[in-house]
Amino acid sequence: MLCSALESRADLPRRGWALTSRQEVHPDEFEKVGELLCWLAARAHETHLRGDGAVGVGFLRFHEAEVPEVLTVEGGQVGWPG
């Protein structure tokens, strides 16, 4: 883990937690990351539910990419970019 922060939102109108992490993961390890993302999506607040039924769980940016792509979970499956 390069860095990670877990912040309580107990004093805000939408209570809960906010997790921010920066990690360098080899694509061979995406299965384990996918398990974590699915676990998190199952516990996400309804405001993270998109119109298509997917849950926005973060972003993925490959080393050579300039712009990160949205990561979503729908039906227990991660929508891995490209």
PDB file of N, CA and C in Angstrom:
ATOM      1  N   MET A   1       0.858  -1.163   0.000  1.00  0.00           N
ATOM      2  CA  MET A   1       0.000   0.000   0.000  1.00  0.00           C
ATOM      3  C   MET A   1       0.906   1.227   0.000  1.00  0.00           C
ATOM      4  N   LEU A   2       0.685   2.114  -0.936  1.00  0.00           N
ATOM      5  CA  LEU A   2       1.448   3.347  -0.970  1.00  0.00           C
ATOM      6  C   LEU A   2       0.926   4.328   0.071  1.00  0.00           C
ATOM      7  N   CYS A   3      -0.390   4.431   0.172  1.00  0.00           N
ATOM      8  CA  CYS A   3      -0.989   5.260   1.218  1.00  0.00           C
ATOM      9  C   CYS A   3      -2.469   4.909   1.330  1.00  0.00           C
ATOM     10  N   SER A   4      -3.010   5.170   2.494  1.00  0.00           N
ATOM     11  CA  SER A   4      -4.424   4.903   2.730  1.00  0.00           C
ATOM     12  C   SER A   4      -4.897   5.752   3.892  1.00  0.00           C
ATOM     13  N   ALA A   5      -6.151   6.193   3.820  1.00  0.00           N
ATOM     14  CA  ALA A   5      -6.738   6.978   4.900  1.00  0.00           C
ATOM     15  C   ALA A   5      -8.205   6.591   5.066  1.00  0.00           C
ATOM     16  N   LEU A   6      -8.613   6.364   6.293  1.00  0.00           N
ATOM     17  CA  LEU A   6      -9.999   6.058   6.626  1.00  0.00           C
ATOM     18  C   LEU A   6     -10.509   7.178   7.526  1.00  0.00           C
ATOM     19  N   GLU A   7     -11.533   7.872   7.053  1.00  0.00           N
ATOM     20  CA  GLU A   7     -12.065   9.023   7.775  1.00  0.00           C
ATOM     21  C   GLU A   7     -13.490   8.778   8.216  1.00  0.00           C
ATOM     22  N   SER A   8     -13.775   9.096   9.466  1.00  0.00           N
ATOM     23  CA  SER A   8     -15.140   9.006   9.971  1.00  0.00           C
ATOM     24  C   SER A   8     -15.938  10.195   9.470  1.00  0.00           C
ATOM     25  N   ARG A   9     -17.192   9.933   9.110  1.00  0.00           N
ATOM     26  CA  ARG A   9     -18.101  10.992   8.688  1.00  0.00           C
ATOM     27  C   ARG A   9     -19.217  11.155   9.725  1.00  0.00           C
ATOM     28  N   ALA A  10     -18.940  10.785  10.964  1.00  0.00           N
ATOM     29  CA  ALA A  10     -19.956  10.778  12.017  1.00  0.00           C
ATOM     30  C   ALA A  10     -20.552  12.153  12.265  1.00  0.00           C
ATOM     31  N   ASP A  11     -19.799  13.217  11.996  1.00  0.00           N
ATOM     32  CA  ASP A  11     -20.283  14.568  12.268  1.00  0.00           C
ATOM     33  C   ASP A  11     -20.915  15.235  11.043  1.00  0.00           C
ATOM     34  N   LEU A  12     -21.114  14.474   9.965  1.00  0.00           N
ATOM     35  CA  LEU A  12     -21.706  15.015   8.751  1.00  0.00           C
ATOM     36  C   LEU A  12     -23.135  14.489   8.570  1.00  0.00           C
ATOM     37  N   PRO A  13     -23.957  15.172   7.755  1.00  0.00           N
ATOM     38  CA  PRO A  13     -25.336  14.709   7.544  1.00  0.00           C
ATOM     39  C   PRO A  13     -25.413  13.270   7.015  1.00  0.00           C
ATOM     40  N   ARG A  14     -24.514  12.900   6.094  1.00  0.00           N
ATOM     41  CA  ARG A  14     -24.465  11.518   5.604  1.00  0.00           C
ATOM     42  C   ARG A  14     -23.345  10.812   6.348  1.00  0.00           C
ATOM     43  N   ARG A  15     -23.702  10.193   7.445  1.00  0.00           N
ATOM     44  CA  ARG A  15     -22.720   9.569   8.323  1.00  0.00           C
ATOM     45  C   ARG A  15     -22.133   8.322   7.669  1.00  0.00           C
ATOM     46  N   GLY A  16     -21.033   7.869   8.200  1.00  0.00           N
ATOM     47  CA  GLY A  16     -20.385   6.664   7.690  1.00  0.00           C
ATOM     48  C   GLY A  16     -18.887   6.855   7.660  1.00  0.00           C
ATOM     49  N   TRP A  17     -18.262   6.280   6.650  1.00  0.00           N
ATOM     50  CA  TRP A  17     -16.811   6.313   6.517  1.00  0.00           C
ATOM     51  C   TRP A  17     -16.431   6.645   5.090  1.00  0.00           C
ATOM     52  N   ALA A  18     -15.269   7.254   4.922  1.00  0.00           N
ATOM     53  CA  ALA A  18     -14.701   7.511   3.597  1.00  0.00           C
ATOM     54  C   ALA A  18     -13.316   6.875   3.573  1.00  0.00           C
ATOM     55  N   LEU A  19     -13.072   6.028   2.591  1.00  0.00           N
ATOM     56  CA  LEU A  19     -11.789   5.345   2.451  1.00  0.00           C
ATOM     57  C   LEU A  19     -11.110   5.830   1.186  1.00  0.00           C
ATOM     58  N   THR A  20      -9.880   6.280   1.325  1.00  0.00           N
ATOM     59  CA  THR A  20      -9.069   6.684   0.189  1.00  0.00           C
ATOM     60  C   THR A  20      -7.791   5.867   0.226  1.00  0.00           C
ATOM     61  N   SER A  21      -7.467   5.216  -0.895  1.00  0.00           N
ATOM     62  CA  SER A  21      -6.252   4.403  -0.969  1.00  0.00           C
ATOM     63  C   SER A  21      -5.575   4.589  -2.310  1.00  0.00           C
ATOM     64  N   ARG A  22      -4.275   4.558  -2.267  1.00  0.00           N
ATOM     65  CA  ARG A  22      -3.478   4.538  -3.499  1.00  0.00           C
ATOM     66  C   ARG A  22      -2.620   3.292  -3.422  1.00  0.00           C
ATOM     67  N   GLN A  23      -2.763   2.462  -4.428  1.00  0.00           N
ATOM     68  CA  GLN A  23      -2.094   1.160  -4.427  1.00  0.00           C
ATOM     69  C   GLN A  23      -1.607   0.855  -5.828  1.00  0.00           C
ATOM     70  N   GLU A  24      -0.442   0.284  -5.914  1.00  0.00           N
ATOM     71  CA  GLU A  24       0.038  -0.217  -7.198  1.00  0.00           C
ATOM     72  C   GLU A  24      -0.202  -1.716  -7.206  1.00  0.00           C
ATOM     73  N   VAL A  25      -1.056  -2.156  -8.123  1.00  0.00           N
ATOM     74  CA  VAL A  25      -1.458  -3.560  -8.186  1.00  0.00           C
ATOM     75  C   VAL A  25      -1.155  -4.093  -9.577  1.00  0.00           C
ATOM     76  N   HIS A  26      -0.554  -5.250  -9.620  1.00  0.00           N
ATOM     77  CA  HIS A  26      -0.320  -5.918 -10.899  1.00  0.00           C
ATOM     78  C   HIS A  26      -1.651  -6.513 -11.366  1.00  0.00           C
ATOM     79  N   PRO A  27      -1.941  -6.474 -12.668  1.00  0.00           N
ATOM     80  CA  PRO A  27      -3.203  -7.034 -13.156  1.00  0.00           C
ATOM     81  C   PRO A  27      -3.459  -8.482 -12.733  1.00  0.00           C
ATOM     82  N   ASP A  28      -2.408  -9.254 -12.464  1.00  0.00           N
ATOM     83  CA  ASP A  28      -2.590 -10.625 -11.993  1.00  0.00           C
ATOM     84  C   ASP A  28      -3.256 -10.684 -10.622  1.00  0.00           C
ATOM     85  N   GLU A  29      -3.250  -9.561  -9.895  1.00  0.00           N
ATOM     86  CA  GLU A  29      -3.823  -9.507  -8.553  1.00  0.00           C
ATOM     87  C   GLU A  29      -5.198  -8.841  -8.537  1.00  0.00           C
ATOM     88  N   PHE A  30      -5.765  -8.539  -9.720  1.00  0.00           N
ATOM     89  CA  PHE A  30      -7.064  -7.865  -9.785  1.00  0.00           C
ATOM     90  C   PHE A  30      -8.178  -8.701  -9.157  1.00  0.00           C
ATOM     91  N   GLU A  31      -8.060 -10.009  -9.176  1.00  0.00           N
ATOM     92  CA  GLU A  31      -9.118 -10.849  -8.593  1.00  0.00           C
ATOM     93  C   GLU A  31      -9.288 -10.548  -7.112  1.00  0.00           C
ATOM     94  N   LYS A  32      -8.187 -10.441  -6.369  1.00  0.00           N
ATOM     95  CA  LYS A  32      -8.267 -10.134  -4.937  1.00  0.00           C
ATOM     96  C   LYS A  32      -8.812  -8.719  -4.714  1.00  0.00           C
ATOM     97  N   VAL A  33      -8.380  -7.776  -5.530  1.00  0.00           N
ATOM     98  CA  VAL A  33      -8.887  -6.408  -5.430  1.00  0.00           C
ATOM     99  C   VAL A  33     -10.381  -6.396  -5.731  1.00  0.00           C
ATOM    100  N   GLY A  34     -10.787  -7.174  -6.719  1.00  0.00           N
ATOM    101  CA  GLY A  34     -12.206  -7.268  -7.071  1.00  0.00           C
ATOM    102  C   GLY A  34     -13.051  -7.778  -5.919  1.00  0.00           C
ATOM    103  N   GLU A  35     -12.531  -8.741  -5.162  1.00  0.00           N
ATOM    104  CA  GLU A  35     -13.252  -9.245  -3.988  1.00  0.00           C
ATOM    105  C   GLU A  35     -13.472  -8.131  -2.981  1.00  0.00           C
ATOM    106  N   LEU A  36     -12.454  -7.317  -2.746  1.00  0.00           N
ATOM    107  CA  LEU A  36     -12.577  -6.193  -1.810  1.00  0.00           C
ATOM    108  C   LEU A  36     -13.587  -5.172  -2.336  1.00  0.00           C
ATOM    109  N   LEU A  37     -13.513  -4.843  -3.616  1.00  0.00           N
ATOM    110  CA  LEU A  37     -14.435  -3.857  -4.190  1.00  0.00           C
ATOM    111  C   LEU A  37     -15.880  -4.329  -4.125  1.00  0.00           C
ATOM    112  N   CYS A  38     -16.114  -5.610  -4.365  1.00  0.00           N
ATOM    113  CA  CYS A  38     -17.474  -6.157  -4.261  1.00  0.00           C
ATOM    114  C   CYS A  38     -17.971  -6.099  -2.826  1.00  0.00           C
ATOM    115  N   TRP A  39     -17.097  -6.389  -1.882  1.00  0.00           N
ATOM    116  CA  TRP A  39     -17.456  -6.324  -0.461  1.00  0.00           C
ATOM    117  C   TRP A  39     -17.828  -4.885  -0.094  1.00  0.00           C
ATOM    118  N   LEU A  40     -17.020  -3.927  -0.540  1.00  0.00           N
ATOM    119  CA  LEU A  40     -17.304  -2.521  -0.249  1.00  0.00           C
ATOM    120  C   LEU A  40     -18.603  -2.068  -0.920  1.00  0.00           C
ATOM    121  N   ALA A  41     -18.821  -2.475  -2.167  1.00  0.00           N
ATOM    122  CA  ALA A  41     -20.025  -2.058  -2.898  1.00  0.00           C
ATOM    123  C   ALA A  41     -21.291  -2.547  -2.209  1.00  0.00           C
ATOM    124  N   ALA A  42     -21.236  -3.736  -1.633  1.00  0.00           N
ATOM    125  CA  ALA A  42     -22.404  -4.283  -0.936  1.00  0.00           C
ATOM    126  C   ALA A  42     -22.756  -3.473   0.300  1.00  0.00           C
ATOM    127  N   ARG A  43     -21.828  -2.675   0.789  1.00  0.00           N
ATOM    128  CA  ARG A  43     -22.038  -1.881   2.003  1.00  0.00           C
ATOM    129  C   ARG A  43     -22.096  -0.379   1.733  1.00  0.00           C
ATOM    130  N   ALA A  44     -22.061  -0.006   0.459  1.00  0.00           N
ATOM    131  CA  ALA A  44     -22.056   1.416   0.095  1.00  0.00           C
ATOM    132  C   ALA A  44     -23.414   2.053   0.331  1.00  0.00           C
ATOM    133  N   HIS A  45     -23.402   3.328   0.630  1.00  0.00           N
ATOM    134  CA  HIS A  45     -24.627   4.097   0.819  1.00  0.00           C
ATOM    135  C   HIS A  45     -25.357   4.193  -0.518  1.00  0.00           C
ATOM    136  N   GLU A  46     -26.667   4.273  -0.469  1.00  0.00           N
ATOM    137  CA  GLU A  46     -27.481   4.304  -1.689  1.00  0.00           C
ATOM    138  C   GLU A  46     -27.138   5.471  -2.606  1.00  0.00           C
ATOM    139  N   THR A  47     -26.524   6.525  -2.093  1.00  0.00           N
ATOM    140  CA  THR A  47     -26.150   7.661  -2.939  1.00  0.00           C
ATOM    141  C   THR A  47     -25.034   7.293  -3.917  1.00  0.00           C
ATOM    142  N   HIS A  48     -24.363   6.166  -3.703  1.00  0.00           N
ATOM    143  CA  HIS A  48     -23.322   5.710  -4.629  1.00  0.00           C
ATOM    144  C   HIS A  48     -23.892   4.854  -5.756  1.00  0.00           C
ATOM    145  N   LEU A  49     -25.194   4.560  -5.684  1.00  0.00           N
ATOM    146  CA  LEU A  49     -25.853   3.764  -6.715  1.00  0.00           C
ATOM    147  C   LEU A  49     -26.099   4.644  -7.942  1.00  0.00           C
ATOM    148  N   ARG A  50     -25.611   4.196  -9.080  1.00  0.00           N
ATOM    149  CA  ARG A  50     -25.777   4.942 -10.324  1.00  0.00           C
ATOM    150  C   ARG A  50     -27.117   4.602 -10.966  1.00  0.00           C
ATOM    151  N   GLY A  51     -27.505   5.370 -11.952  1.00  0.00           N
ATOM    152  CA  GLY A  51     -28.772   5.157 -12.642  1.00  0.00           C
ATOM    153  C   GLY A  51     -28.887   3.792 -13.308  1.00  0.00           C
ATOM    154  N   ASP A  52     -27.753   3.202 -13.691  1.00  0.00           N
ATOM    155  CA  ASP A  52     -27.777   1.896 -14.349  1.00  0.00           C
ATOM    156  C   ASP A  52     -27.743   0.735 -13.357  1.00  0.00           C
ATOM    157  N   GLY A  53     -27.783   1.050 -12.058  1.00  0.00           N
ATOM    158  CA  GLY A  53     -27.798   0.007 -11.034  1.00  0.00           C
ATOM    159  C   GLY A  53     -26.428  -0.368 -10.493  1.00  0.00           C
ATOM    160  N   ALA A  54     -25.380   0.125 -11.119  1.00  0.00           N
ATOM    161  CA  ALA A  54     -24.020  -0.160 -10.651  1.00  0.00           C
ATOM    162  C   ALA A  54     -23.666   0.758  -9.484  1.00  0.00           C
ATOM    163  N   VAL A  55     -22.671   0.350  -8.705  1.00  0.00           N
ATOM    164  CA  VAL A  55     -22.154   1.155  -7.597  1.00  0.00           C
ATOM    165  C   VAL A  55     -20.775   1.659  -7.990  1.00  0.00           C
ATOM    166  N   GLY A  56     -20.585   2.973  -7.931  1.00  0.00           N
ATOM    167  CA  GLY A  56     -19.269   3.549  -8.191  1.00  0.00           C
ATOM    168  C   GLY A  56     -18.360   3.289  -6.992  1.00  0.00           C
ATOM    169  N   VAL A  57     -17.242   2.594  -7.232  1.00  0.00           N
ATOM    170  CA  VAL A  57     -16.356   2.233  -6.115  1.00  0.00           C
ATOM    171  C   VAL A  57     -14.973   2.881  -6.209  1.00  0.00           C
ATOM    172  N   GLY A  58     -14.722   3.639  -7.253  1.00  0.00           N
ATOM    173  CA  GLY A  58     -13.425   4.295  -7.353  1.00  0.00           C
ATOM    174  C   GLY A  58     -12.971   4.459  -8.783  1.00  0.00           C
ATOM    175  N   PHE A  59     -11.650   4.548  -8.922  1.00  0.00           N
ATOM    176  CA  PHE A  59     -11.043   4.802 -10.213  1.00  0.00           C
ATOM    177  C   PHE A  59      -9.818   3.917 -10.392  1.00  0.00           C
ATOM    178  N   LEU A  60      -9.494   3.625 -11.634  1.00  0.00           N
ATOM    179  CA  LEU A  60      -8.305   2.848 -11.975  1.00  0.00           C
ATOM    180  C   LEU A  60      -7.563   3.606 -13.059  1.00  0.00           C
ATOM    181  N   ARG A  61      -6.262   3.774 -12.845  1.00  0.00           N
ATOM    182  CA  ARG A  61      -5.432   4.416 -13.863  1.00  0.00           C
ATOM    183  C   ARG A  61      -4.200   3.561 -14.068  1.00  0.00           C
ATOM    184  N   PHE A  62      -4.068   3.047 -15.269  1.00  0.00           N
ATOM    185  CA  PHE A  62      -2.865   2.302 -15.609  1.00  0.00           C
ATOM    186  C   PHE A  62      -1.701   3.282 -15.739  1.00  0.00           C
ATOM    187  N   HIS A  63      -0.509   2.808 -15.509  1.00  0.00           N
ATOM    188  CA  HIS A  63       0.696   3.647 -15.495  1.00  0.00           C
ATOM    189  C   HIS A  63       0.805   4.540 -16.728  1.00  0.00           C
ATOM    190  N   GLU A  64       0.516   3.986 -17.889  1.00  0.00           N
ATOM    191  CA  GLU A  64       0.686   4.744 -19.135  1.00  0.00           C
ATOM    192  C   GLU A  64      -0.500   5.654 -19.461  1.00  0.00           C
ATOM    193  N   ALA A  65      -1.591   5.527 -18.733  1.00  0.00           N
ATOM    194  CA  ALA A  65      -2.790   6.336 -18.993  1.00  0.00           C
ATOM    195  C   ALA A  65      -2.682   7.694 -18.308  1.00  0.00           C
ATOM    196  N   GLU A  66      -3.220   8.707 -18.969  1.00  0.00           N
ATOM    197  CA  GLU A  66      -3.214  10.046 -18.387  1.00  0.00           C
ATOM    198  C   GLU A  66      -4.454  10.317 -17.546  1.00  0.00           C
ATOM    199  N   VAL A  67      -5.558   9.624 -17.865  1.00  0.00           N
ATOM    200  CA  VAL A  67      -6.833   9.869 -17.198  1.00  0.00           C
ATOM    201  C   VAL A  67      -7.321   8.575 -16.544  1.00  0.00           C
ATOM    202  N   PRO A  68      -7.737   8.628 -15.271  1.00  0.00           N
ATOM    203  CA  PRO A  68      -8.275   7.417 -14.631  1.00  0.00           C
ATOM    204  C   PRO A  68      -9.653   7.060 -15.180  1.00  0.00           C
ATOM    205  N   GLU A  69      -9.997   5.780 -15.087  1.00  0.00           N
ATOM    206  CA  GLU A  69     -11.306   5.299 -15.526  1.00  0.00           C
ATOM    207  C   GLU A  69     -12.116   4.882 -14.300  1.00  0.00           C
ATOM    208  N   VAL A  70     -13.430   5.043 -14.384  1.00  0.00           N
ATOM    209  CA  VAL A  70     -14.325   4.734 -13.271  1.00  0.00           C
ATOM    210  C   VAL A  70     -14.413   3.223 -13.067  1.00  0.00           C
ATOM    211  N   LEU A  71     -14.356   2.795 -11.807  1.00  0.00           N
ATOM    212  CA  LEU A  71     -14.575   1.399 -11.433  1.00  0.00           C
ATOM    213  C   LEU A  71     -15.979   1.273 -10.861  1.00  0.00           C
ATOM    214  N   THR A  72     -16.711   0.294 -11.333  1.00  0.00           N
ATOM    215  CA  THR A  72     -18.054   0.055 -10.836  1.00  0.00           C
ATOM    216  C   THR A  72     -18.220  -1.415 -10.476  1.00  0.00           C
ATOM    217  N   VAL A  73     -19.199  -1.680  -9.618  1.00  0.00           N
ATOM    218  CA  VAL A  73     -19.583  -3.048  -9.288  1.00  0.00           C
ATOM    219  C   VAL A  73     -21.079  -3.162  -9.555  1.00  0.00           C
ATOM    220  N   GLU A  74     -21.449  -4.217 -10.288  1.00  0.00           N
ATOM    221  CA  GLU A  74     -22.859  -4.459 -10.567  1.00  0.00           C
ATOM    222  C   GLU A  74     -23.085  -5.954 -10.528  1.00  0.00           C
ATOM    223  N   GLY A  75     -24.064  -6.385  -9.755  1.00  0.00           N
ATOM    224  CA  GLY A  75     -24.378  -7.800  -9.658  1.00  0.00           C
ATOM    225  C   GLY A  75     -23.221  -8.632  -9.128  1.00  0.00           C
ATOM    226  N   GLY A  76     -22.421  -8.039  -8.243  1.00  0.00           N
ATOM    227  CA  GLY A  76     -21.301  -8.774  -7.660  1.00  0.00           C
ATOM    228  C   GLY A  76     -20.098  -8.911  -8.575  1.00  0.00           C
ATOM    229  N   GLN A  77     -20.067  -8.150  -9.687  1.00  0.00           N
ATOM    230  CA  GLN A  77     -18.962  -8.194 -10.635  1.00  0.00           C
ATOM    231  C   GLN A  77     -18.378  -6.805 -10.826  1.00  0.00           C
ATOM    232  N   VAL A  78     -17.051  -6.723 -10.839  1.00  0.00           N
ATOM    233  CA  VAL A  78     -16.377  -5.437 -11.091  1.00  0.00           C
ATOM    234  C   VAL A  78     -16.362  -5.181 -12.584  1.00  0.00           C
ATOM    235  N   GLY A  79     -16.682  -3.961 -12.976  1.00  0.00           N
ATOM    236  CA  GLY A  79     -16.595  -3.548 -14.369  1.00  0.00           C
ATOM    237  C   GLY A  79     -15.210  -2.986 -14.634  1.00  0.00           C
ATOM    238  N   TRP A  80     -14.256  -3.883 -14.876  1.00  0.00           N
ATOM    239  CA  TRP A  80     -12.867  -3.443 -15.113  1.00  0.00           C
ATOM    240  C   TRP A  80     -12.783  -2.698 -16.436  1.00  0.00           C
ATOM    241  N   PRO A  81     -12.112  -1.543 -16.467  1.00  0.00           N
ATOM    242  CA  PRO A  81     -11.950  -0.804 -17.723  1.00  0.00           C
ATOM    243  C   PRO A  81     -11.086  -1.559 -18.728  1.00  0.00           C
ATOM    244  N   GLY A  82     -11.328  -1.249 -19.999  1.00  0.00           N
ATOM    245  CA  GLY A  82     -10.556  -1.682 -21.147  1.00  0.00           C
ATOM    246  C   GLY A  82      -9.942  -2.971 -21.061  1.00  0.00           C
TER     247      GLY A  82
END
